[in-house]
Amino acid sequence: MKIQGAVIIEQGVTFAIIVVNQTVTNYTTRAVQVRAYLSQFFPNMPIILMSQDKNGTPHYYGRKDIVEFLRSIRLDQIPWKFYHIY
């Protein structure tokens, strides 16, 4: 499977941000399950899920301090890349 995301180090915290469908970030149970699954590919990192609504507005799910940081930056400032996970 190929996913889009980024691993970011900000203020000494390394975290992963992963692009998901909005149906994931809209439902807590689903978001928790997806984060648990992704944790095996991004060990020892907080995982933030990001989806966009039909207007392109990002919606984040994850650790509150990291979500607040991400809300303060533009999406094009994130070093996106594709990850192949199995």
C-alpha atoms as a PDB file:
ATOM      1  CA  MET A   1       0.000   0.000   0.000  1.00  0.00           C
ATOM      2  CA  LYS A   2       1.203   3.517  -0.766  1.00  0.00           C
ATOM      3  CA  ILE A   3       0.421   6.372   1.625  1.00  0.00           C
ATOM      4  CA  GLN A   4       1.251  10.056   1.562  1.00  0.00           C
ATOM      5  CA  GLY A   5       2.745  11.612   4.648  1.00  0.00           C
ATOM      6  CA  ALA A   6       5.709  13.256   6.269  1.00  0.00           C
ATOM      7  CA  VAL A   7       7.972  12.764   9.241  1.00  0.00           C
ATOM      8  CA  ILE A   8       8.652  16.093  10.904  1.00  0.00           C
ATOM      9  CA  ILE A   9      10.936  17.168  13.723  1.00  0.00           C
ATOM     10  CA  GLU A  10       9.690  20.310  15.433  1.00  0.00           C
ATOM     11  CA  GLN A  11      10.966  21.630  18.760  1.00  0.00           C
ATOM     12  CA  GLY A  12      12.632  18.295  19.492  1.00  0.00           C
ATOM     13  CA  VAL A  13       9.502  16.226  18.795  1.00  0.00           C
ATOM     14  CA  THR A  14       9.523  13.780  15.888  1.00  0.00           C
ATOM     15  CA  PHE A  15       6.074  12.941  14.582  1.00  0.00           C
ATOM     16  CA  ALA A  16       4.396  11.512  11.500  1.00  0.00           C
ATOM     17  CA  ILE A  17       1.543  13.140   9.635  1.00  0.00           C
ATOM     18  CA  ILE A  18      -0.414  10.870   7.311  1.00  0.00           C
ATOM     19  CA  VAL A  19      -3.027  11.809   4.704  1.00  0.00           C
ATOM     20  CA  VAL A  20      -6.278   9.866   5.079  1.00  0.00           C
ATOM     21  CA  ASN A  21      -9.815  10.010   3.752  1.00  0.00           C
ATOM     22  CA  GLN A  22     -12.145  12.379   5.587  1.00  0.00           C
ATOM     23  CA  THR A  23     -14.244   9.411   6.726  1.00  0.00           C
ATOM     24  CA  VAL A  24     -11.304   8.467   8.961  1.00  0.00           C
ATOM     25  CA  THR A  25     -10.922  11.814  10.725  1.00  0.00           C
ATOM     26  CA  ASN A  26     -14.696  12.215  11.100  1.00  0.00           C
ATOM     27  CA  TYR A  27     -15.017   9.148  13.346  1.00  0.00           C
ATOM     28  CA  THR A  28     -12.960   8.721  16.504  1.00  0.00           C
ATOM     29  CA  THR A  29     -13.094   4.924  16.518  1.00  0.00           C
ATOM     30  CA  ARG A  30     -11.865   4.729  12.943  1.00  0.00           C
ATOM     31  CA  ALA A  31      -9.123   7.317  13.570  1.00  0.00           C
ATOM     32  CA  VAL A  32      -7.873   5.397  16.617  1.00  0.00           C
ATOM     33  CA  GLN A  33      -7.774   2.149  14.623  1.00  0.00           C
ATOM     34  CA  VAL A  34      -5.878   3.717  11.716  1.00  0.00           C
ATOM     35  CA  ARG A  35      -3.354   5.374  14.042  1.00  0.00           C
ATOM     36  CA  ALA A  36      -2.783   2.059  15.831  1.00  0.00           C
ATOM     37  CA  TYR A  37      -2.203   0.299  12.509  1.00  0.00           C
ATOM     38  CA  LEU A  38       0.208   2.993  11.260  1.00  0.00           C
ATOM     39  CA  SER A  39       2.213   2.985  14.494  1.00  0.00           C
ATOM     40  CA  GLN A  40       4.011  -0.189  13.364  1.00  0.00           C
ATOM     41  CA  PHE A  41       5.454   1.734  10.405  1.00  0.00           C
ATOM     42  CA  PHE A  42       6.275   4.886  12.377  1.00  0.00           C
ATOM     43  CA  PRO A  43       7.443   3.467  15.728  1.00  0.00           C
ATOM     44  CA  ASN A  44       7.837   5.682  18.774  1.00  0.00           C
ATOM     45  CA  MET A  45       6.270   8.661  17.012  1.00  0.00           C
ATOM     46  CA  PRO A  46       3.000  10.433  17.609  1.00  0.00           C
ATOM     47  CA  ILE A  47       0.852   9.958  14.513  1.00  0.00           C
ATOM     48  CA  ILE A  48      -1.322  12.759  13.232  1.00  0.00           C
ATOM     49  CA  LEU A  49      -3.982  12.029  10.631  1.00  0.00           C
ATOM     50  CA  MET A  50      -4.877  14.710   8.113  1.00  0.00           C
ATOM     51  CA  SER A  51      -7.800  14.858   5.734  1.00  0.00           C
ATOM     52  CA  GLN A  52      -9.186  17.655   3.625  1.00  0.00           C
ATOM     53  CA  ASP A  53     -12.799  18.637   3.171  1.00  0.00           C
ATOM     54  CA  LYS A  54     -14.308  19.485  -0.215  1.00  0.00           C
ATOM     55  CA  ASN A  55     -12.927  23.046   0.080  1.00  0.00           C
ATOM     56  CA  GLY A  56      -9.393  21.789   0.697  1.00  0.00           C
ATOM     57  CA  THR A  57      -9.402  22.785   4.362  1.00  0.00           C
ATOM     58  CA  PRO A  58      -7.218  20.409   6.391  1.00  0.00           C
ATOM     59  CA  HIS A  59      -8.632  18.555   9.396  1.00  0.00           C
ATOM     60  CA  TYR A  60      -6.233  16.926  11.844  1.00  0.00           C
ATOM     61  CA  TYR A  61      -6.614  14.140  14.390  1.00  0.00           C
ATOM     62  CA  GLY A  62      -3.977  13.406  16.995  1.00  0.00           C
ATOM     63  CA  ARG A  63      -1.953  14.921  19.793  1.00  0.00           C
ATOM     64  CA  LYS A  64      -3.392  18.343  20.584  1.00  0.00           C
ATOM     65  CA  ASP A  65      -0.115  20.297  20.761  1.00  0.00           C
ATOM     66  CA  ILE A  66       1.014  18.943  17.399  1.00  0.00           C
ATOM     67  CA  VAL A  67      -2.395  19.575  15.837  1.00  0.00           C
ATOM     68  CA  GLU A  68      -2.203  23.197  17.019  1.00  0.00           C
ATOM     69  CA  PHE A  69       1.243  23.540  15.461  1.00  0.00           C
ATOM     70  CA  LEU A  70       0.010  22.087  12.157  1.00  0.00           C
ATOM     71  CA  ARG A  71      -2.924  24.484  12.091  1.00  0.00           C
ATOM     72  CA  SER A  72      -0.406  27.343  12.167  1.00  0.00           C
ATOM     73  CA  ILE A  73       1.382  26.297   8.954  1.00  0.00           C
ATOM     74  CA  ARG A  74       0.355  25.916   5.330  1.00  0.00           C
ATOM     75  CA  LEU A  75       0.039  22.455   3.783  1.00  0.00           C
ATOM     76  CA  ASP A  76       2.710  23.314   1.205  1.00  0.00           C
ATOM     77  CA  GLN A  77       5.213  23.811   4.041  1.00  0.00           C
ATOM     78  CA  ILE A  78       4.983  20.124   4.940  1.00  0.00           C
ATOM     79  CA  PRO A  79       7.648  17.932   3.249  1.00  0.00           C
ATOM     80  CA  TRP A  80       5.192  15.404   1.798  1.00  0.00           C
ATOM     81  CA  LYS A  81       6.392  12.139   0.313  1.00  0.00           C
ATOM     82  CA  PHE A  82       5.014   8.712  -0.476  1.00  0.00           C
ATOM     83  CA  TYR A  83       5.683   5.715   1.770  1.00  0.00           C
ATOM     84  CA  HIS A  84       5.248   2.107   0.711  1.00  0.00           C
ATOM     85  CA  ILE A  85       3.937   0.065   3.637  1.00  0.00           C
ATOM     86  CA  TYR A  86       3.186  -3.640   3.761  1.00  0.00           C
END
